[in-house]
């Protein structure tokens, strides 16, 4: 079994269990607390189920004009 990743406060990580990206809020009572980027309802997951975001997979290149990504149709 590999090492458990410990992110920095407010770092965006991937929750492997929920297949979601969330901002790390902290670890309390043995559970990692995450919230959606930009705010929203927090959720919890096990510490061994989070991982850093991967460039080119989770991290898309920024639009040079600052436009948000367009939703898929």
Foldseek 3Di string as FASTA:
>chain_A
DDDQDDDDAQAWKAQQVVRAIFGFHDADPQWTWTAHVPGDDIDTDHRNRIDHDDPPPRDDDADPVRDDDDDDD
